[in-house]
Each structure stands twice: as structure tokens, then as C-alpha cells.
N, C-alpha and C. Protein backbone atom coordinates (compact mmCIF):
# COMPACT_ATOMS: atom_id res chain seq x y z
N MET A 1 -5.18 50.74 7.15
CA MET A 1 -3.68 50.18 6.76
C MET A 1 -2.94 50.02 7.66
N SER A 2 -1.63 48.76 8.06
CA SER A 2 -1.08 49.07 9.07
C SER A 2 0.65 49.23 8.64
N ASP A 3 1.24 49.54 9.23
CA ASP A 3 2.38 50.44 9.42
C ASP A 3 3.65 49.24 9.30
N VAL A 4 3.48 48.30 9.93
CA VAL A 4 4.05 46.59 10.17
C VAL A 4 4.76 46.05 9.24
N LEU A 5 6.00 46.19 9.04
CA LEU A 5 6.74 45.79 8.18
C LEU A 5 7.11 43.95 8.26
N PRO A 6 7.06 43.36 7.33
CA PRO A 6 7.28 41.64 7.38
C PRO A 6 8.35 41.40 7.99
N PRO A 7 8.80 40.48 8.88
CA PRO A 7 9.97 40.51 9.60
C PRO A 7 11.06 40.32 8.45
N LEU A 8 12.79 41.01 8.57
CA LEU A 8 13.40 40.44 7.67
C LEU A 8 14.34 39.22 7.69
N ARG A 9 14.55 38.40 6.26
CA ARG A 9 15.06 36.91 6.41
C ARG A 9 16.19 37.12 6.34
N LYS A 10 17.05 36.32 6.43
CA LYS A 10 18.57 36.39 6.10
C LYS A 10 18.28 36.06 4.56
N GLY A 11 19.59 36.68 4.19
CA GLY A 11 20.00 36.41 3.02
C GLY A 11 18.80 37.15 1.51
N ASP A 12 18.83 36.58 0.35
CA ASP A 12 18.01 37.18 -0.93
C ASP A 12 16.79 35.67 -0.72
N TRP A 13 15.96 36.11 -1.98
CA TRP A 13 15.04 34.60 -1.90
C TRP A 13 15.62 34.31 -3.52
N MET A 14 14.84 33.24 -3.72
CA MET A 14 14.79 32.82 -5.32
C MET A 14 13.49 32.28 -5.24
N GLN A 15 13.07 31.81 -6.42
CA GLN A 15 11.97 31.13 -7.50
C GLN A 15 12.05 30.20 -6.87
N VAL A 16 11.12 29.47 -6.54
CA VAL A 16 11.51 27.50 -7.01
C VAL A 16 10.21 27.17 -7.94
N HIS A 17 10.26 26.55 -8.25
CA HIS A 17 9.30 25.39 -9.28
C HIS A 17 7.79 26.19 -9.27
N SER A 18 7.38 26.29 -8.03
CA SER A 18 6.08 26.45 -7.49
C SER A 18 5.65 28.00 -8.20
N GLY A 19 6.69 28.53 -8.04
CA GLY A 19 6.67 29.60 -8.68
C GLY A 19 6.56 31.10 -7.43
N ARG A 20 6.61 29.82 -6.02
CA ARG A 20 6.70 31.25 -4.58
C ARG A 20 8.42 31.15 -4.32
N GLN A 21 8.23 32.81 -3.59
CA GLN A 21 9.39 32.93 -3.00
C GLN A 21 9.81 31.60 -2.13
N PHE A 22 11.69 31.36 -1.87
CA PHE A 22 12.08 30.72 -1.06
C PHE A 22 13.20 31.51 -0.73
N TRP A 23 13.63 31.27 0.64
CA TRP A 23 14.96 32.06 1.19
C TRP A 23 15.85 30.38 1.61
N PRO A 24 16.52 30.34 1.11
CA PRO A 24 17.05 28.76 1.27
C PRO A 24 18.31 29.29 2.48
N LEU A 25 18.77 30.79 3.05
CA LEU A 25 19.69 30.86 3.85
C LEU A 25 19.06 30.68 5.00
N ASP A 26 17.30 31.29 5.49
CA ASP A 26 16.98 31.32 5.89
C ASP A 26 15.43 30.75 5.53
N PRO A 27 15.81 29.02 5.62
CA PRO A 27 14.32 28.22 5.21
C PRO A 27 13.34 28.16 6.68
N ARG A 28 11.61 28.33 6.32
CA ARG A 28 10.73 28.15 7.45
C ARG A 28 9.76 27.03 6.52
N VAL A 29 9.67 25.94 7.69
CA VAL A 29 9.29 24.96 7.73
C VAL A 29 7.95 24.42 6.48
N ASP A 30 6.87 26.04 6.59
CA ASP A 30 5.80 25.77 6.12
C ASP A 30 5.79 26.23 4.36
N GLU A 31 7.26 26.51 3.88
CA GLU A 31 7.24 26.75 2.81
C GLU A 31 8.19 25.12 2.00
N ILE A 32 8.43 24.99 2.88
CA ILE A 32 8.84 23.27 2.48
C ILE A 32 8.09 22.64 1.40
N ASP A 33 8.15 22.36 0.39
CA ASP A 33 7.03 21.86 -0.63
C ASP A 33 7.36 20.50 -1.32
N ILE A 34 7.37 19.14 -1.03
CA ILE A 34 7.62 18.22 -1.34
C ILE A 34 7.45 17.98 -3.47
N ALA A 35 6.55 19.21 -4.14
CA ALA A 35 6.85 19.15 -5.56
C ALA A 35 8.03 19.83 -5.88
N ASP A 36 8.32 20.69 -5.54
CA ASP A 36 9.27 21.70 -5.36
C ASP A 36 11.00 21.21 -5.30
N ILE A 37 11.02 19.94 -4.40
CA ILE A 37 12.01 19.22 -3.59
C ILE A 37 12.17 18.16 -5.02
N ALA A 38 11.10 17.44 -5.34
CA ALA A 38 11.25 16.41 -6.40
C ALA A 38 11.22 16.96 -7.51
N HIS A 39 10.91 18.55 -7.99
CA HIS A 39 11.04 19.14 -9.07
C HIS A 39 12.41 19.15 -9.48
N ALA A 40 13.27 19.66 -8.12
CA ALA A 40 15.21 19.98 -8.32
C ALA A 40 15.66 19.09 -8.41
N LEU A 41 15.17 17.85 -7.71
CA LEU A 41 16.32 16.83 -7.65
C LEU A 41 16.30 16.04 -8.77
N GLY A 42 15.23 16.39 -9.47
CA GLY A 42 14.64 15.44 -10.94
C GLY A 42 15.70 16.13 -11.84
N MET A 43 15.84 17.47 -11.69
CA MET A 43 16.36 18.41 -12.52
C MET A 43 17.97 18.47 -12.70
N ALA A 44 18.53 17.98 -10.99
CA ALA A 44 20.18 17.87 -10.69
C ALA A 44 20.74 16.82 -10.71
N CYS A 45 21.60 16.65 -11.27
CA CYS A 45 22.79 15.84 -12.55
C CYS A 45 23.70 15.19 -11.14
N ARG A 46 23.59 14.25 -11.03
CA ARG A 46 25.07 14.05 -9.95
C ARG A 46 25.97 14.29 -10.41
N TYR A 47 27.34 14.30 -9.31
CA TYR A 47 28.94 14.40 -9.79
C TYR A 47 29.00 15.56 -10.63
N ALA A 48 28.59 16.82 -10.54
CA ALA A 48 28.19 17.84 -11.19
C ALA A 48 28.42 17.69 -12.48
N GLY A 49 27.82 16.55 -12.69
CA GLY A 49 27.51 16.63 -14.37
C GLY A 49 28.69 15.77 -15.12
N HIS A 50 29.43 15.14 -14.38
CA HIS A 50 30.46 14.46 -15.02
C HIS A 50 30.09 13.20 -14.67
N VAL A 51 29.29 12.73 -15.89
CA VAL A 51 28.90 11.69 -15.96
C VAL A 51 28.60 11.12 -17.24
N LEU A 52 28.59 9.98 -17.19
CA LEU A 52 28.23 9.03 -19.03
C LEU A 52 27.08 9.55 -19.30
N GLN A 53 26.22 9.59 -18.82
CA GLN A 53 24.76 9.92 -19.36
C GLN A 53 23.80 10.30 -17.74
N PHE A 54 23.05 11.31 -18.55
CA PHE A 54 22.40 12.16 -17.19
C PHE A 54 21.30 11.41 -15.87
N TYR A 55 22.03 11.46 -14.59
CA TYR A 55 21.96 10.96 -13.84
C TYR A 55 21.29 11.80 -12.45
N SER A 56 20.13 11.70 -12.15
CA SER A 56 19.77 12.74 -11.21
C SER A 56 19.97 12.47 -9.60
N VAL A 57 19.71 13.55 -8.81
CA VAL A 57 19.41 13.32 -7.58
C VAL A 57 18.60 12.44 -7.24
N ALA A 58 17.35 12.82 -7.86
CA ALA A 58 15.76 12.05 -7.46
C ALA A 58 16.12 10.82 -7.66
N GLU A 59 16.42 10.48 -8.70
CA GLU A 59 16.66 8.87 -9.19
C GLU A 59 17.50 8.20 -8.12
N HIS A 60 18.71 8.91 -8.00
CA HIS A 60 19.85 8.27 -6.27
C HIS A 60 18.47 8.44 -5.38
N SER A 61 17.92 9.17 -5.01
CA SER A 61 17.04 8.99 -3.66
C SER A 61 16.07 7.68 -4.02
N VAL A 62 15.52 7.98 -4.63
CA VAL A 62 14.01 6.91 -5.03
C VAL A 62 15.50 5.78 -5.26
N HIS A 63 16.48 5.21 -6.07
CA HIS A 63 17.67 4.00 -5.02
C HIS A 63 17.61 3.69 -4.17
N ILE A 64 17.79 4.37 -3.34
CA ILE A 64 18.39 4.44 -2.24
C ILE A 64 16.77 4.06 -1.17
N CYS A 65 16.28 4.77 -1.12
CA CYS A 65 14.59 4.73 -0.40
C CYS A 65 14.06 3.03 -0.91
N ARG A 66 14.10 2.55 -2.00
CA ARG A 66 13.65 1.09 -2.74
C ARG A 66 14.39 0.35 -1.99
N TRP A 67 16.00 0.83 -1.95
CA TRP A 67 16.90 -0.46 -1.24
C TRP A 67 16.02 -0.39 0.01
N LEU A 68 16.02 0.50 0.44
CA LEU A 68 15.74 -0.10 2.37
C LEU A 68 14.56 -0.46 2.10
N HIS A 69 13.23 -0.10 1.64
CA HIS A 69 11.89 -0.88 1.76
C HIS A 69 12.51 -2.21 1.31
N GLU A 70 13.18 -2.39 0.30
CA GLU A 70 13.85 -4.00 0.35
C GLU A 70 14.16 -5.10 1.05
N HIS A 71 14.92 -3.74 1.91
CA HIS A 71 15.37 -4.48 3.18
C HIS A 71 14.77 -4.21 4.21
N HIS A 72 13.59 -4.07 4.46
CA HIS A 72 12.72 -3.98 5.27
C HIS A 72 12.90 -3.07 6.44
N GLU A 73 13.48 -2.16 5.82
CA GLU A 73 13.59 -1.20 6.82
C GLU A 73 12.12 -0.07 7.02
N ALA A 74 12.41 0.71 8.81
CA ALA A 74 11.12 1.32 8.95
C ALA A 74 10.48 2.15 8.01
N THR A 75 9.57 2.42 7.81
CA THR A 75 8.80 3.61 6.69
C THR A 75 9.67 4.97 7.31
N GLU A 76 9.65 5.16 8.21
CA GLU A 76 10.73 6.54 8.63
C GLU A 76 11.93 6.43 7.96
N VAL A 77 12.71 5.10 8.03
CA VAL A 77 13.89 5.14 7.47
C VAL A 77 13.71 5.73 6.21
N GLN A 78 13.16 4.39 5.21
CA GLN A 78 12.78 4.61 4.23
C GLN A 78 12.37 5.88 3.33
N LEU A 79 11.90 6.96 4.59
CA LEU A 79 11.68 8.33 4.22
C LEU A 79 12.71 9.23 4.73
N ALA A 80 13.43 8.83 5.38
CA ALA A 80 15.14 9.78 5.45
C ALA A 80 15.60 9.22 4.54
N GLY A 81 15.34 8.11 3.59
CA GLY A 81 16.52 8.08 2.74
C GLY A 81 16.06 8.49 1.20
N LEU A 82 15.06 8.75 1.15
CA LEU A 82 13.94 9.32 0.21
C LEU A 82 14.92 11.09 -0.11
N LEU A 83 14.80 11.24 1.39
CA LEU A 83 14.94 12.87 1.19
C LEU A 83 16.10 13.53 1.80
N HIS A 84 17.23 12.25 1.83
CA HIS A 84 18.09 12.57 2.97
C HIS A 84 19.47 13.66 1.57
N ASP A 85 18.72 14.47 0.62
CA ASP A 85 19.61 14.73 -0.03
C ASP A 85 18.33 16.27 -0.61
N ALA A 86 17.00 16.39 -0.18
CA ALA A 86 16.64 17.65 -0.03
C ALA A 86 16.90 18.49 0.54
N PRO A 87 17.63 19.11 0.95
CA PRO A 87 18.14 20.64 1.21
C PRO A 87 18.94 20.89 -0.66
N GLU A 88 19.27 20.05 -0.96
CA GLU A 88 20.29 19.92 -2.38
C GLU A 88 19.36 20.88 -3.44
N ALA A 89 17.87 20.36 -3.36
CA ALA A 89 16.92 20.81 -3.93
C ALA A 89 17.10 22.28 -4.06
N TYR A 90 17.55 22.99 -2.99
CA TYR A 90 17.08 24.55 -2.69
C TYR A 90 19.29 25.11 -2.72
N LEU A 91 19.83 23.99 -2.56
CA LEU A 91 21.18 24.89 -2.64
C LEU A 91 21.86 23.66 -3.68
N VAL A 92 21.87 23.19 -4.43
CA VAL A 92 22.44 22.14 -5.06
C VAL A 92 23.45 21.30 -4.93
N ASP A 93 23.67 19.83 -5.78
CA ASP A 93 24.51 19.01 -5.46
C ASP A 93 25.88 19.74 -5.39
N VAL A 94 26.77 19.74 -4.11
CA VAL A 94 27.94 20.17 -4.19
C VAL A 94 28.93 19.01 -4.48
N PRO A 95 29.61 18.21 -5.19
CA PRO A 95 30.68 17.52 -4.92
C PRO A 95 30.98 17.09 -4.02
N ARG A 96 31.27 15.93 -3.53
CA ARG A 96 32.04 15.52 -2.35
C ARG A 96 33.07 15.97 -1.55
N PRO A 97 34.31 16.03 -2.81
CA PRO A 97 35.42 16.64 -2.24
C PRO A 97 35.93 18.05 -2.40
N VAL A 98 34.53 18.92 -2.98
CA VAL A 98 34.48 20.30 -2.26
C VAL A 98 33.46 20.34 -0.44
N LYS A 99 32.70 19.96 -0.56
CA LYS A 99 31.46 20.06 0.70
C LYS A 99 32.29 20.22 1.87
N PRO A 100 33.25 19.55 2.00
CA PRO A 100 34.09 20.17 3.36
C PRO A 100 34.67 20.96 3.70
N HIS A 101 34.85 21.60 2.38
CA HIS A 101 35.73 23.25 2.47
C HIS A 101 34.65 24.13 2.60
N LEU A 102 33.61 23.78 2.47
CA LEU A 102 32.59 25.12 2.26
C LEU A 102 31.63 25.31 3.92
N SER A 103 32.44 25.47 4.60
CA SER A 103 31.98 25.81 5.92
C SER A 103 30.22 26.24 5.96
N GLU A 104 30.30 27.82 5.35
CA GLU A 104 29.01 27.95 5.49
C GLU A 104 28.38 27.66 4.78
N TYR A 105 28.56 26.39 3.65
CA TYR A 105 27.55 25.64 2.67
C TYR A 105 26.76 24.56 3.84
N SER A 106 28.04 23.73 4.54
CA SER A 106 27.57 22.96 5.77
C SER A 106 26.43 23.52 6.76
N LYS A 107 26.16 25.02 7.16
CA LYS A 107 25.65 25.28 7.73
C LYS A 107 24.06 25.28 6.93
N PHE A 108 24.01 26.06 6.28
CA PHE A 108 23.03 26.08 5.30
C PHE A 108 22.20 24.96 5.05
N GLU A 109 23.08 23.82 4.53
CA GLU A 109 22.56 22.74 4.74
C GLU A 109 21.78 21.99 5.60
N THR A 110 22.34 22.18 6.47
CA THR A 110 21.98 21.59 7.84
C THR A 110 20.56 22.33 8.31
N ARG A 111 20.50 23.67 8.22
CA ARG A 111 19.38 24.02 8.71
C ARG A 111 18.35 24.19 7.23
N LEU A 112 18.65 23.63 6.73
CA LEU A 112 17.50 23.33 5.46
C LEU A 112 17.07 21.66 5.59
N TRP A 113 18.10 20.92 6.46
CA TRP A 113 17.56 19.73 6.57
C TRP A 113 17.10 19.68 7.71
N TYR A 114 16.79 20.63 8.89
CA TYR A 114 15.79 20.87 9.42
C TYR A 114 14.86 20.84 9.43
N ALA A 115 14.61 21.73 8.72
CA ALA A 115 13.34 22.16 8.15
C ALA A 115 12.49 21.40 7.40
N VAL A 116 13.47 20.18 6.37
CA VAL A 116 12.57 19.53 5.67
C VAL A 116 12.34 18.57 6.79
N THR A 117 13.08 17.87 7.96
CA THR A 117 12.37 17.25 8.63
C THR A 117 11.44 17.21 9.90
N ALA A 118 11.50 19.20 9.83
CA ALA A 118 10.41 19.12 10.39
C ALA A 118 8.94 19.13 9.98
N ARG A 119 9.21 19.38 8.69
CA ARG A 119 7.91 19.54 7.28
C ARG A 119 7.52 18.38 7.77
N PHE A 120 8.31 17.14 7.28
CA PHE A 120 7.37 15.66 7.01
C PHE A 120 7.78 15.13 8.23
N ASN A 121 7.90 15.67 9.59
CA ASN A 121 7.62 15.08 10.96
C ASN A 121 8.55 13.40 10.93
N ILE A 122 10.14 13.92 10.29
CA ILE A 122 10.92 12.80 10.94
C ILE A 122 12.20 13.09 11.41
N SER A 123 12.84 12.48 12.32
CA SER A 123 14.25 12.64 12.89
C SER A 123 15.15 13.30 11.79
N ALA A 124 15.67 14.14 12.56
CA ALA A 124 16.95 14.79 12.10
C ALA A 124 18.26 14.51 11.85
N HIS A 125 18.15 13.00 12.70
CA HIS A 125 19.09 12.45 12.90
C HIS A 125 19.39 11.21 11.58
N ILE A 126 20.37 11.25 10.48
CA ILE A 126 19.92 10.42 9.08
C ILE A 126 20.27 9.10 10.23
N PRO A 127 19.39 8.06 9.87
CA PRO A 127 20.43 6.60 9.91
C PRO A 127 21.01 6.08 9.74
N HIS A 128 22.27 5.72 10.50
CA HIS A 128 22.91 4.83 10.16
C HIS A 128 23.12 3.99 8.97
N VAL A 129 21.81 3.32 8.48
CA VAL A 129 21.50 2.59 7.30
C VAL A 129 21.81 3.22 5.84
N VAL A 130 21.11 4.44 6.12
CA VAL A 130 20.58 5.37 4.87
C VAL A 130 22.32 5.80 4.85
N LYS A 131 23.05 6.24 5.60
CA LYS A 131 24.43 6.51 5.45
C LYS A 131 25.38 5.63 5.17
N PHE A 132 24.97 4.34 5.10
CA PHE A 132 25.39 3.50 4.47
C PHE A 132 25.11 3.02 3.13
N ALA A 133 23.67 3.29 3.21
CA ALA A 133 23.15 2.99 1.84
C ALA A 133 23.48 4.32 0.82
N ASP A 134 23.66 5.23 0.92
CA ASP A 134 24.30 6.33 0.93
C ASP A 134 25.77 6.84 -0.08
N GLU A 135 26.62 5.84 0.86
CA GLU A 135 28.10 6.02 0.67
C GLU A 135 27.69 4.36 -0.10
N SER A 136 27.58 3.58 -0.05
CA SER A 136 27.29 2.32 -0.89
C SER A 136 27.17 2.29 -2.35
N ILE A 137 26.20 3.41 -2.60
CA ILE A 137 25.54 3.24 -4.10
C ILE A 137 26.56 3.99 -4.85
N LEU A 138 27.92 4.86 -4.34
CA LEU A 138 28.76 5.31 -4.93
C LEU A 138 29.41 4.17 -5.99
N ALA A 139 29.69 2.85 -5.09
CA ALA A 139 30.24 1.97 -5.95
C ALA A 139 29.05 1.49 -6.96
N ASP A 140 27.93 1.33 -7.23
CA ASP A 140 27.10 0.81 -8.91
C ASP A 140 27.29 2.34 -9.29
N GLU A 141 26.98 3.71 -9.18
CA GLU A 141 27.73 4.42 -10.13
C GLU A 141 28.33 4.77 -10.41
N MET A 142 29.63 4.45 -9.88
CA MET A 142 30.73 4.42 -10.52
C MET A 142 31.09 3.72 -11.42
N ALA A 143 30.59 2.60 -11.29
CA ALA A 143 30.91 1.40 -12.38
C ALA A 143 30.01 1.15 -13.71
N GLN A 144 28.88 1.97 -13.19
CA GLN A 144 27.94 2.29 -14.27
C GLN A 144 27.47 3.39 -14.93
N ASN A 145 28.27 4.05 -14.51
CA ASN A 145 27.88 5.84 -15.25
C ASN A 145 29.09 6.74 -15.23
N MET A 146 30.68 6.22 -14.88
CA MET A 146 31.80 6.98 -14.46
C MET A 146 32.67 6.47 -15.84
N ALA A 147 33.54 7.58 -16.27
CA ALA A 147 34.44 7.09 -17.26
C ALA A 147 35.87 6.30 -16.64
N PRO A 148 36.26 5.21 -17.28
CA PRO A 148 37.47 4.78 -16.39
C PRO A 148 38.57 5.68 -15.36
N CYS A 149 38.62 5.40 -14.76
CA CYS A 149 39.85 6.14 -13.46
C CYS A 149 40.95 5.59 -13.29
N HIS A 150 42.23 6.14 -13.50
CA HIS A 150 43.44 5.80 -13.18
C HIS A 150 43.66 5.21 -12.07
N VAL A 151 43.11 6.24 -11.13
CA VAL A 151 43.28 6.04 -9.82
C VAL A 151 41.83 5.64 -8.86
N PRO A 152 41.92 4.37 -8.11
CA PRO A 152 40.80 4.17 -7.59
C PRO A 152 39.66 5.07 -6.84
N TRP A 153 38.77 4.78 -6.40
CA TRP A 153 38.11 6.08 -5.16
C TRP A 153 38.02 4.72 -4.10
N SER A 154 38.51 5.78 -3.24
CA SER A 154 38.53 5.44 -1.55
C SER A 154 37.00 5.21 -1.00
N LEU A 155 36.78 3.93 -1.53
CA LEU A 155 35.18 3.36 -1.11
C LEU A 155 35.10 2.70 -0.02
N ARG A 156 34.36 2.83 0.86
CA ARG A 156 34.00 2.24 2.46
C ARG A 156 33.60 0.76 2.38
N HIS A 157 32.32 0.99 1.11
CA HIS A 157 31.63 -0.22 0.79
C HIS A 157 31.74 -0.25 -0.32
N GLY A 158 31.31 -1.94 -0.84
CA GLY A 158 31.09 -2.23 -1.55
C GLY A 158 29.82 -1.30 -2.43
N PRO A 159 29.05 -2.42 -3.76
CA PRO A 159 27.82 -1.76 -4.20
C PRO A 159 26.88 -2.03 -3.86
N LEU A 160 25.57 -1.47 -3.77
CA LEU A 160 24.49 -2.00 -3.31
C LEU A 160 23.53 -3.23 -4.24
N GLY A 161 24.24 -2.96 -5.42
CA GLY A 161 23.41 -4.14 -6.62
C GLY A 161 22.29 -2.96 -7.04
N ILE A 162 22.27 -1.93 -7.41
CA ILE A 162 21.02 -1.09 -7.87
C ILE A 162 21.89 -0.65 -9.33
N GLN A 163 20.80 -1.23 -10.18
CA GLN A 163 20.72 -0.88 -11.65
C GLN A 163 20.66 0.50 -11.85
N LEU A 164 21.27 1.77 -12.47
CA LEU A 164 20.57 2.61 -12.48
C LEU A 164 19.78 2.37 -14.04
N GLN A 165 19.20 3.47 -13.83
CA GLN A 165 18.12 3.17 -15.30
C GLN A 165 18.43 4.94 -15.57
N TYR A 166 18.99 5.69 -15.15
CA TYR A 166 18.80 7.39 -16.02
C TYR A 166 18.00 8.00 -16.75
N TRP A 167 16.68 7.71 -15.82
CA TRP A 167 15.90 8.12 -15.68
C TRP A 167 15.60 9.85 -16.72
N SER A 168 14.37 10.51 -17.29
CA SER A 168 14.45 12.19 -17.87
C SER A 168 14.36 13.00 -16.28
N PRO A 169 14.40 13.90 -16.60
CA PRO A 169 14.48 15.02 -15.25
C PRO A 169 12.77 14.50 -14.67
N SER A 170 11.48 14.18 -15.57
CA SER A 170 9.69 14.25 -15.62
C SER A 170 10.09 13.17 -14.84
N ARG A 171 10.34 11.98 -15.44
CA ARG A 171 10.36 10.69 -15.17
C ARG A 171 10.98 10.73 -13.14
N ALA A 172 12.06 10.95 -12.72
CA ALA A 172 12.39 10.86 -11.62
C ALA A 172 11.69 11.70 -10.88
N LYS A 173 11.22 12.65 -11.11
CA LYS A 173 10.47 13.66 -10.30
C LYS A 173 9.06 12.45 -9.75
N ALA A 174 8.78 12.18 -11.12
CA ALA A 174 7.25 11.04 -10.87
C ALA A 174 7.85 9.83 -9.83
N GLU A 175 8.68 9.49 -10.20
CA GLU A 175 9.56 8.62 -9.05
C GLU A 175 9.16 8.65 -7.38
N PHE A 176 9.95 9.63 -7.72
CA PHE A 176 10.00 10.36 -6.55
C PHE A 176 9.09 10.82 -6.11
N LEU A 177 8.06 11.01 -6.38
CA LEU A 177 6.25 11.49 -6.02
C LEU A 177 5.94 10.25 -5.34
N LEU A 178 6.24 9.21 -6.27
CA LEU A 178 5.57 7.94 -6.29
C LEU A 178 5.76 7.32 -4.75
N GLU A 179 7.04 7.09 -4.31
CA GLU A 179 7.67 7.03 -3.29
C GLU A 179 7.09 7.57 -2.27
N PHE A 180 7.55 9.02 -2.20
CA PHE A 180 6.59 10.19 -0.87
C PHE A 180 5.38 9.36 -0.48
N GLU A 181 4.86 9.40 -1.96
CA GLU A 181 2.86 9.12 -1.41
C GLU A 181 2.76 7.96 -0.68
N ARG A 182 3.73 7.03 -1.46
CA ARG A 182 3.59 5.35 -0.66
C ARG A 182 4.29 5.53 0.65
N LEU A 183 5.22 6.52 1.01
CA LEU A 183 5.81 6.34 2.33
C LEU A 183 4.28 7.15 3.63
N THR A 184 3.77 7.86 2.55
CA THR A 184 3.00 9.45 3.40
C THR A 184 1.95 9.21 3.10
N GLY A 185 1.03 8.29 2.41
CA GLY A 185 0.01 8.67 1.90
C GLY A 185 -0.61 10.08 1.21
N GLY A 186 0.48 10.54 0.79
CA GLY A 186 0.54 11.89 0.10
C GLY A 186 0.08 13.18 1.23
N LEU A 187 0.19 12.99 2.54
CA LEU A 187 0.11 14.06 3.72
C LEU A 187 1.49 15.33 3.08
N GLN A 188 0.91 16.03 3.20
CA GLN A 188 1.51 17.50 2.82
C GLN A 188 1.50 18.09 3.81
């Protein structure tokens, strides 16, 4: 019997959907699982739940991925669009007005993004067109799923023209995994 202890990890662990342990503050590439990501993002509601109907982060990501596909972007760019919010599967979706004020959150989100991109062999640099689509879809989401507001949003771009579907968590997970399969051939 060995007296060697496993190396210490930063922070504590959480149980992910697959039943395994995951250290969100100390992610390892081999612990990133697409099924866990798809499940968690399917269950996570955009805008901290301040919407008219449930609308998941997974559905948001699928819409961006499919928009990129329709605009003939490369497979890697589409995959970056699908996975751009993958760290939120482990850290949750923090509303945009709060995120810049959470310096530690940003550091952990970046560390998770690097683990996700290494796991799925894509560039850690998020392409400009993915950022554009992520910012532009806000106009679609605001118009279709937010209560009227007396103060206009400060949007940099017009809508993408996406029609929100308000998928159930299980449907959002399934659609997310379908796109992942299409883009990677199911490589895990």
C-alpha cells in the first residue's frame, strides 16, 4: 500500500450531473465532459431567470452555433459559438452588469475556458464573429423574452433574426449535443 497522497486541488469539488467530482476552481482537461456541459447549460436560465419564459443558456448557444453555420463559418468557429458559455456549466451564468465586478470570477471563468478549449481542441481565442453573434442575439432575446423596459438597452448591434423556441431543459440538452455531434463527429 502506498503512502503517497493525491495532489491537493484548489478549492472544493462539486458533483456534476454524471456523478463525478469536479473542481471548478482547478479544472483538469480530462474532467471536462460534454454531456455534463450540455445538461447544466440546458438547466441554466439566461438573464438570472428575469425572462418572460424559461430560456436556457444551451438554447442560446445552439442558436449562435446555427447562425454561424448558416453564415458559412468554419467548423471550429461554430464549435466556439456552441461552447462559448461552457464555463457557465460549472460557474453559473452571471448577469453582464455584475460580471466585470467579480475579478476572481473572471479569472476562474478564463481558466475553465482554457480547459474546455484544450479538451475539444479549439483555439482559446474567441473569434470576433462569435462575439458579434453573442452581442447581437441580445436584441432578439430582449424583444422576444423580456418585459417592456422604460430605459433602452445599450446594444452595440441589431438583432440576428433568431426566433427563440423556449426549449425545455431536456430538449435544449439534446439540441446542444446534436450540434456537438455534427461538428465533431462525436469525438470526446
